[in-house]
Amino acid sequence: MISAVWVLDSRGGHIIHKDYRGDVSLAARSSFVSRVVNGQFEDEDDTARPVFFADGICFGWIMVNNIYFVGVSRQNLNVVVLIQFLRKLEAVIKAYFRTVDEEVIKDNFTLVYEIFDEIMDFGYPQTTEPDVLKEFIAQRSLKELLGGRKVKVDPTAVPIAVTGAVSWRPQGIKYRRNEVYLDVEEMVRLVVSPDGSTLSADISGALNMRCFLSGMPELKLGLNERVRTGPV
């Protein structure tokens, strides 16, 4: 579980942060600044590792355009999840503002705080897909989006994340006929010697699918019952 996320400038100064669990104070930032920013290590041969423990706190960080994205935790958490979450956070901010730098974050701190609230709940990563987040975190006000028009809003509508929809498939896709084309491509590689003996042989393949399905139907694929597998 991630206790807090900090965004720091190149000197370790505070830009913005979000405290999710309340068990790591922002004052612990001094441990990060001394080791990573200032390079003060206990061992002379040590370097700034992307994950380290100090004062009972696990620190994980990435650097983007001279900005430190830091995740901290009191527990021995899965560091791969921590680093991946920080990368996802970077990708979300970039999807909203096209770039990630100190000025952009400061100029849009209100929206960035909204993103922090949605992508994690009590230290557990939640929705990190930009396309899903943009469904309910808009960069402009509702009045600007509607252009002054009167629109009837459905009060029962819920975000697509709640319904289990995926971010890579837009809503409302419809086709006249539901069809799926599955192409099986095989490639045989064979190397023979001058006397005709086989030196090496292998088969590789790929399944390429073209989907023309309306909505999100369940699809079951099966092999022909007369298919033979194994050596012939």
Protein backbone atom coordinates (compact mmCIF):
# COMPACT_ATOMS: atom_id res chain seq x y z
CA MET A 1 0.00 0.00 0.00
CA ILE A 2 1.34 3.41 -0.97
CA SER A 3 1.15 5.94 1.85
CA ALA A 4 1.72 9.13 -0.14
CA VAL A 5 2.87 10.48 -3.48
CA TRP A 6 5.12 13.53 -3.73
CA VAL A 7 6.02 15.62 -6.75
CA LEU A 8 9.29 17.50 -6.18
CA ASP A 9 11.39 19.86 -8.27
CA SER A 10 15.03 19.25 -9.25
CA ARG A 11 16.26 20.63 -5.91
CA GLY A 12 13.83 18.52 -3.89
CA GLY A 13 11.42 21.39 -3.30
CA HIS A 14 7.75 20.61 -2.81
CA ILE A 15 5.45 21.09 -5.83
CA ILE A 16 2.42 19.02 -4.93
CA HIS A 17 1.67 15.92 -2.88
CA LYS A 18 -1.17 13.63 -1.89
CA ASP A 19 -1.34 11.84 1.47
CA TYR A 20 -3.42 8.66 1.18
CA ARG A 21 -2.90 6.94 4.55
CA GLY A 22 -1.57 9.57 6.94
CA ASP A 23 1.33 7.47 8.25
CA VAL A 24 4.21 9.23 6.42
CA SER A 25 4.78 12.92 7.05
CA LEU A 26 5.98 15.28 4.36
CA ALA A 27 8.91 15.98 6.69
CA ALA A 28 10.32 12.60 5.62
CA ARG A 29 11.14 14.31 2.35
CA SER A 30 14.48 15.31 3.90
CA SER A 31 15.64 11.67 3.77
CA PHE A 32 14.91 11.54 0.06
CA VAL A 33 16.54 14.91 -0.66
CA SER A 34 19.74 14.06 1.21
CA ARG A 35 20.21 10.70 -0.52
CA VAL A 36 18.92 11.28 -4.04
CA VAL A 37 19.10 15.02 -4.70
CA ASN A 38 22.22 15.83 -2.68
CA GLY A 39 23.87 12.41 -3.10
CA GLN A 40 24.71 11.92 0.57
CA PHE A 41 25.00 8.13 0.98
CA GLU A 42 26.16 6.08 3.93
CA ASP A 43 28.45 4.08 1.62
CA GLU A 44 30.87 5.95 -0.63
CA ASP A 45 30.30 3.42 -3.41
CA ASP A 46 26.52 3.71 -3.17
CA THR A 47 24.37 5.34 -5.87
CA ALA A 48 20.88 6.77 -6.09
CA ARG A 49 18.76 3.64 -6.36
CA PRO A 50 15.18 3.90 -7.67
CA VAL A 51 13.98 2.11 -4.51
CA PHE A 52 15.54 2.32 -1.05
CA PHE A 53 14.70 2.17 2.68
CA ALA A 54 15.47 5.01 5.06
CA ASP A 55 14.18 5.71 8.57
CA GLY A 56 11.66 2.88 8.32
CA ILE A 57 10.16 4.21 5.08
CA CYS A 58 10.28 2.65 1.61
CA PHE A 59 10.99 5.22 -1.10
CA GLY A 60 10.43 4.66 -4.81
CA TRP A 61 10.96 7.35 -7.40
CA ILE A 62 11.27 8.25 -11.07
CA MET A 63 12.52 11.46 -12.68
CA VAL A 64 10.75 13.17 -15.58
CA ASN A 65 11.91 16.49 -17.01
CA ASN A 66 13.77 17.42 -13.81
CA ILE A 67 10.75 16.51 -11.67
CA TYR A 68 10.80 13.75 -9.08
CA PHE A 69 7.71 11.55 -8.73
CA VAL A 70 8.13 9.87 -5.35
CA GLY A 71 6.01 7.17 -3.73
CA VAL A 72 6.50 6.32 -0.05
CA SER A 73 5.21 3.59 2.24
CA ARG A 74 5.65 2.37 5.80
CA GLN A 75 5.29 -1.21 4.59
CA ASN A 76 7.49 -3.48 2.51
CA LEU A 77 5.29 -3.14 -0.55
CA ASN A 78 5.64 -4.52 -4.07
CA VAL A 79 8.15 -2.09 -5.56
CA VAL A 80 7.23 -3.07 -9.13
CA VAL A 81 3.68 -1.91 -8.49
CA LEU A 82 5.01 1.32 -6.98
CA ILE A 83 7.25 2.18 -9.95
CA GLN A 84 4.58 1.15 -12.45
CA PHE A 85 2.06 3.36 -10.68
CA LEU A 86 4.41 6.35 -10.87
CA ARG A 87 4.88 5.71 -14.60
CA LYS A 88 1.11 5.55 -15.03
CA LEU A 89 0.75 8.82 -13.14
CA GLU A 90 3.27 10.42 -15.50
CA ALA A 91 1.35 9.06 -18.51
CA VAL A 92 -1.98 10.40 -17.20
CA ILE A 93 -0.61 13.90 -16.64
CA LYS A 94 0.98 13.83 -20.09
CA ALA A 95 -2.31 12.72 -21.65
CA TYR A 96 -4.09 15.70 -20.08
CA PHE A 97 -1.50 18.42 -20.64
CA ARG A 98 0.72 16.99 -23.44
CA THR A 99 3.84 17.53 -21.35
CA VAL A 100 5.01 17.01 -17.79
CA ASP A 101 6.91 19.87 -16.17
CA GLU A 102 6.83 22.01 -13.05
CA GLU A 103 4.96 24.91 -14.63
CA VAL A 104 2.18 22.72 -16.02
CA ILE A 105 1.59 21.05 -12.65
CA LYS A 106 1.51 24.35 -10.77
CA ASP A 107 -0.82 25.99 -13.30
CA ASN A 108 -3.25 23.05 -13.15
CA PHE A 109 -2.86 21.92 -9.54
CA THR A 110 -6.63 21.67 -8.99
CA LEU A 111 -7.04 19.21 -11.85
CA VAL A 112 -3.92 17.31 -10.80
CA TYR A 113 -5.41 16.89 -7.30
CA GLU A 114 -8.57 15.47 -8.89
CA ILE A 115 -6.42 12.99 -10.79
CA PHE A 116 -4.67 12.01 -7.54
CA ASP A 117 -8.06 11.38 -5.93
CA GLU A 118 -9.25 9.09 -8.72
CA ILE A 119 -6.17 7.01 -9.49
CA MET A 120 -5.66 5.76 -5.93
CA ASP A 121 -7.86 5.00 -2.93
CA PHE A 122 -6.33 4.57 0.54
CA GLY A 123 -3.01 3.51 -0.98
CA TYR A 124 -4.40 1.07 -3.55
CA PRO A 125 -4.11 1.96 -7.27
CA GLN A 126 -7.47 2.29 -8.99
CA THR A 127 -8.22 3.73 -12.44
CA THR A 128 -5.02 4.70 -14.24
CA GLU A 129 -6.21 4.73 -17.86
CA PRO A 130 -6.35 8.29 -19.28
CA ASP A 131 -9.31 7.53 -21.56
CA VAL A 132 -11.38 6.33 -18.61
CA LEU A 133 -10.37 9.24 -16.37
CA LYS A 134 -11.34 11.76 -19.04
CA GLU A 135 -14.91 10.46 -18.86
CA PHE A 136 -15.41 12.11 -15.46
CA ILE A 137 -12.42 14.46 -14.99
CA ALA A 138 -12.75 17.18 -17.62
CA GLN A 139 -10.17 19.87 -18.34
CA ARG A 140 -12.92 22.41 -19.02
CA SER A 141 -16.05 23.30 -17.12
CA LEU A 142 -19.38 21.73 -17.99
CA LYS A 143 -20.62 25.07 -19.30
CA GLU A 144 -17.68 25.32 -21.69
CA LEU A 145 -18.14 21.74 -22.86
CA LEU A 146 -21.83 22.27 -23.61
CA GLY A 147 -21.27 25.66 -25.23
CA GLY A 148 -24.24 27.21 -23.47
CA ARG A 149 -26.70 24.63 -24.83
CA LYS A 150 -29.42 23.13 -22.66
CA VAL A 151 -28.83 19.41 -22.47
CA LYS A 152 -30.88 16.83 -20.62
CA VAL A 153 -28.53 14.84 -18.40
CA ASP A 154 -29.32 11.24 -17.51
CA PRO A 155 -29.00 11.03 -13.69
CA THR A 156 -28.58 7.25 -13.89
CA ALA A 157 -25.50 7.40 -16.10
CA VAL A 158 -22.35 6.03 -14.48
CA PRO A 159 -18.71 6.14 -15.57
CA ILE A 160 -17.62 3.33 -17.87
CA ALA A 161 -15.10 2.20 -15.25
CA VAL A 162 -17.98 1.22 -12.96
CA THR A 163 -19.66 -0.86 -15.65
CA GLY A 164 -16.49 -2.82 -16.36
CA ALA A 165 -15.99 -1.37 -19.83
CA VAL A 166 -12.45 -1.20 -21.15
CA SER A 167 -10.61 2.00 -21.93
CA TRP A 168 -9.42 0.93 -25.38
CA ARG A 169 -12.93 0.34 -26.77
CA PRO A 170 -15.22 3.37 -27.19
CA GLN A 171 -18.90 3.14 -26.33
CA GLY A 172 -21.67 3.01 -28.90
CA ILE A 173 -19.91 0.86 -31.53
CA LYS A 174 -22.47 -0.74 -33.86
CA TYR A 175 -22.13 -2.87 -36.99
CA ARG A 176 -24.80 -4.09 -39.37
CA ARG A 177 -23.53 -7.65 -38.97
CA ASN A 178 -21.58 -9.14 -36.10
CA GLU A 179 -18.49 -10.73 -37.63
CA VAL A 180 -15.04 -11.82 -36.52
CA TYR A 181 -12.21 -12.78 -38.86
CA LEU A 182 -9.41 -14.88 -37.41
CA ASP A 183 -6.33 -15.37 -39.59
CA VAL A 184 -3.84 -18.09 -38.67
CA GLU A 185 -0.37 -17.38 -40.02
CA GLU A 186 2.34 -20.04 -39.89
CA MET A 187 6.02 -19.81 -40.76
CA VAL A 188 8.25 -22.86 -41.18
CA ARG A 189 12.03 -22.49 -40.94
CA LEU A 190 14.22 -25.35 -42.10
CA VAL A 191 17.99 -25.56 -42.46
CA VAL A 192 19.46 -28.61 -44.19
CA SER A 193 23.02 -29.69 -44.81
CA PRO A 194 24.45 -30.48 -48.28
CA ASP A 195 23.77 -34.17 -47.69
CA GLY A 196 20.10 -33.48 -46.99
CA SER A 197 20.06 -33.96 -43.24
CA THR A 198 18.10 -31.53 -41.11
CA LEU A 199 20.22 -29.12 -39.10
CA SER A 200 17.41 -27.13 -37.53
CA ALA A 201 13.67 -26.77 -37.95
CA ASP A 202 11.00 -24.78 -36.20
CA ILE A 203 7.50 -23.50 -36.75
CA SER A 204 6.18 -20.16 -35.52
CA GLY A 205 2.80 -18.62 -35.97
CA ALA A 206 0.44 -15.81 -35.09
CA LEU A 207 -3.29 -15.28 -34.75
CA ASN A 208 -4.55 -12.02 -36.23
CA MET A 209 -8.11 -11.01 -35.45
CA ARG A 210 -10.32 -8.42 -37.09
CA CYS A 211 -13.35 -7.68 -34.97
CA PHE A 212 -16.66 -6.24 -36.19
CA LEU A 213 -18.82 -6.72 -33.11
CA SER A 214 -21.40 -4.34 -31.71
CA GLY A 215 -21.04 -3.40 -28.06
CA MET A 216 -19.21 -5.82 -25.78
CA PRO A 217 -20.64 -9.30 -26.51
CA GLU A 218 -19.16 -12.51 -25.18
CA LEU A 219 -17.31 -14.47 -27.85
CA LYS A 220 -16.42 -18.14 -27.70
CA LEU A 221 -13.92 -19.58 -30.16
CA GLY A 222 -13.22 -23.26 -30.71
CA LEU A 223 -11.18 -25.53 -32.97
CA ASN A 224 -12.65 -27.85 -35.54
CA GLU A 225 -13.27 -31.27 -34.02
CA ARG A 226 -11.33 -32.89 -36.88
CA VAL A 227 -8.16 -30.92 -36.18
CA ARG A 228 -5.12 -33.10 -35.43
CA THR A 229 -2.27 -31.91 -33.24
CA GLY A 230 1.14 -33.36 -32.50
CA PRO A 231 3.51 -35.32 -34.76
CA VAL A 232 1.99 -36.70 -37.95
